[in-house]
Amino acid sequence: MMGSPSPITRASRLFSKTDQTDDLKAITVPPLVLQGDDDQVVLYKDASLLQAKLLKHGTLKVYPVYPHGLMTTHADVINAEILAFIRS
């Protein structure tokens, strides 16, 4: 909400057209993928489900009704999840 709509729209279009398949396959540390199923910016079915398949040893957590900014709107839950993942 802090940026101008025109550059944000252009950046979103470019980002969505970038193939990150090889980059995701190259990650060797166990990653944690977090996303809300109510994300209106990046649809989880088009993003995190595919990412989790491409990442070796990835852990996927999809949160019901959490939005795109879940790290801000639900910081208590997300921070606890990240800490638990790091400790494991």
C-alpha atoms as a PDB file:
ATOM      1  CA  MET A   1       0.000   0.000   0.000  1.00  0.00           C
ATOM      2  CA  MET A   2       3.053   2.239   0.112  1.00  0.00           C
ATOM      3  CA  GLY A   3       3.958   2.057  -3.578  1.00  0.00           C
ATOM      4  CA  SER A   4       2.600   3.563  -6.746  1.00  0.00           C
ATOM      5  CA  PRO A   5       0.130   1.250  -8.525  1.00  0.00           C
ATOM      6  CA  SER A   6       1.845   1.455 -11.931  1.00  0.00           C
ATOM      7  CA  PRO A   7       5.309   0.138 -10.919  1.00  0.00           C
ATOM      8  CA  ILE A   8       3.784  -2.452  -8.599  1.00  0.00           C
ATOM      9  CA  THR A   9       1.606  -3.767 -11.432  1.00  0.00           C
ATOM     10  CA  ARG A  10       4.555  -3.895 -13.840  1.00  0.00           C
ATOM     11  CA  ALA A  11       6.764  -5.649 -11.297  1.00  0.00           C
ATOM     12  CA  SER A  12       4.037  -8.211 -10.560  1.00  0.00           C
ATOM     13  CA  ARG A  13       3.641  -8.968 -14.265  1.00  0.00           C
ATOM     14  CA  LEU A  14       7.383  -9.419 -14.761  1.00  0.00           C
ATOM     15  CA  PHE A  15       7.732 -11.569 -11.648  1.00  0.00           C
ATOM     16  CA  SER A  16       4.875 -13.827 -12.720  1.00  0.00           C
ATOM     17  CA  LYS A  17       6.521 -14.397 -16.120  1.00  0.00           C
ATOM     18  CA  THR A  18       9.915 -15.360 -14.683  1.00  0.00           C
ATOM     19  CA  ASP A  19      10.623 -19.080 -14.679  1.00  0.00           C
ATOM     20  CA  GLN A  20      12.247 -19.907 -11.352  1.00  0.00           C
ATOM     21  CA  THR A  21      12.179 -23.683 -11.779  1.00  0.00           C
ATOM     22  CA  ASP A  22      15.951 -24.168 -11.998  1.00  0.00           C
ATOM     23  CA  ASP A  23      16.573 -21.798  -9.093  1.00  0.00           C
ATOM     24  CA  LEU A  24      14.145 -23.702  -6.870  1.00  0.00           C
ATOM     25  CA  LYS A  25      15.635 -27.069  -7.820  1.00  0.00           C
ATOM     26  CA  ALA A  26      19.119 -25.772  -6.940  1.00  0.00           C
ATOM     27  CA  ILE A  27      18.237 -25.008  -3.303  1.00  0.00           C
ATOM     28  CA  THR A  28      19.834 -27.669  -1.111  1.00  0.00           C
ATOM     29  CA  VAL A  29      18.908 -26.567   2.411  1.00  0.00           C
ATOM     30  CA  PRO A  30      15.456 -27.601   3.710  1.00  0.00           C
ATOM     31  CA  PRO A  31      13.163 -24.624   2.970  1.00  0.00           C
ATOM     32  CA  LEU A  32       9.928 -23.601   4.662  1.00  0.00           C
ATOM     33  CA  VAL A  33       7.174 -22.368   2.344  1.00  0.00           C
ATOM     34  CA  LEU A  34       4.337 -20.462   4.022  1.00  0.00           C
ATOM     35  CA  GLN A  35       1.258 -19.082   2.282  1.00  0.00           C
ATOM     36  CA  GLY A  36      -2.325 -18.218   2.981  1.00  0.00           C
ATOM     37  CA  ASP A  37      -5.051 -19.799   0.894  1.00  0.00           C
ATOM     38  CA  ASP A  38      -6.793 -16.414   0.692  1.00  0.00           C
ATOM     39  CA  ASP A  39      -3.781 -14.669  -0.892  1.00  0.00           C
ATOM     40  CA  GLN A  40      -5.272 -12.414  -3.585  1.00  0.00           C
ATOM     41  CA  VAL A  41      -1.864 -11.393  -4.967  1.00  0.00           C
ATOM     42  CA  VAL A  42      -0.164 -14.779  -5.407  1.00  0.00           C
ATOM     43  CA  LEU A  43      -2.581 -17.684  -5.619  1.00  0.00           C
ATOM     44  CA  TYR A  44      -1.248 -20.578  -3.564  1.00  0.00           C
ATOM     45  CA  LYS A  45      -2.344 -23.178  -6.116  1.00  0.00           C
ATOM     46  CA  ASP A  46      -0.175 -21.415  -8.713  1.00  0.00           C
ATOM     47  CA  ALA A  47       2.770 -20.758  -6.422  1.00  0.00           C
ATOM     48  CA  SER A  48       3.444 -22.593  -3.184  1.00  0.00           C
ATOM     49  CA  LEU A  49       2.064 -25.975  -4.259  1.00  0.00           C
ATOM     50  CA  LEU A  50       4.406 -26.009  -7.255  1.00  0.00           C
ATOM     51  CA  GLN A  51       7.314 -24.609  -5.239  1.00  0.00           C
ATOM     52  CA  ALA A  52       6.964 -27.357  -2.659  1.00  0.00           C
ATOM     53  CA  LYS A  53       7.212 -29.991  -5.409  1.00  0.00           C
ATOM     54  CA  LEU A  54      10.365 -28.411  -6.859  1.00  0.00           C
ATOM     55  CA  LEU A  55      12.160 -27.855  -3.547  1.00  0.00           C
ATOM     56  CA  LYS A  56      14.119 -30.781  -2.159  1.00  0.00           C
ATOM     57  CA  HIS A  57      13.082 -31.549   1.413  1.00  0.00           C
ATOM     58  CA  GLY A  58      10.664 -28.589   1.458  1.00  0.00           C
ATOM     59  CA  THR A  59       8.023 -28.093   4.103  1.00  0.00           C
ATOM     60  CA  LEU A  60       4.779 -26.471   2.947  1.00  0.00           C
ATOM     61  CA  LYS A  61       2.269 -24.831   5.283  1.00  0.00           C
ATOM     62  CA  VAL A  62      -0.906 -23.332   3.806  1.00  0.00           C
ATOM     63  CA  TYR A  63      -3.033 -21.346   6.245  1.00  0.00           C
ATOM     64  CA  PRO A  64      -6.806 -21.164   5.784  1.00  0.00           C
ATOM     65  CA  VAL A  65      -8.116 -17.621   5.166  1.00  0.00           C
ATOM     66  CA  TYR A  66      -4.690 -15.964   5.645  1.00  0.00           C
ATOM     67  CA  PRO A  67      -3.975 -13.135   3.178  1.00  0.00           C
ATOM     68  CA  HIS A  68      -0.901 -12.166   1.155  1.00  0.00           C
ATOM     69  CA  GLY A  69       0.600 -10.227   4.064  1.00  0.00           C
ATOM     70  CA  LEU A  70       0.240 -13.102   6.520  1.00  0.00           C
ATOM     71  CA  MET A  71       3.595 -12.315   8.159  1.00  0.00           C
ATOM     72  CA  THR A  72       2.150  -8.989   9.250  1.00  0.00           C
ATOM     73  CA  THR A  73      -1.497  -9.854   9.842  1.00  0.00           C
ATOM     74  CA  HIS A  74      -0.733 -13.087  11.701  1.00  0.00           C
ATOM     75  CA  ALA A  75       2.793 -12.451  12.976  1.00  0.00           C
ATOM     76  CA  ASP A  76       2.276 -14.404  16.197  1.00  0.00           C
ATOM     77  CA  VAL A  77       1.386 -17.617  14.339  1.00  0.00           C
ATOM     78  CA  ILE A  78       3.942 -17.192  11.543  1.00  0.00           C
ATOM     79  CA  ASN A  79       6.828 -16.270  13.856  1.00  0.00           C
ATOM     80  CA  ALA A  80       6.128 -19.312  16.031  1.00  0.00           C
ATOM     81  CA  GLU A  81       6.032 -21.505  12.906  1.00  0.00           C
ATOM     82  CA  ILE A  82       9.372 -20.145  11.679  1.00  0.00           C
ATOM     83  CA  LEU A  83      11.030 -20.617  15.070  1.00  0.00           C
ATOM     84  CA  ALA A  84       9.734 -24.187  15.333  1.00  0.00           C
ATOM     85  CA  PHE A  85      11.046 -24.937  11.847  1.00  0.00           C
ATOM     86  CA  ILE A  86      14.494 -23.493  12.642  1.00  0.00           C
ATOM     87  CA  ARG A  87      14.686 -25.440  15.903  1.00  0.00           C
ATOM     88  CA  SER A  88      13.793 -28.691  14.172  1.00  0.00           C
END
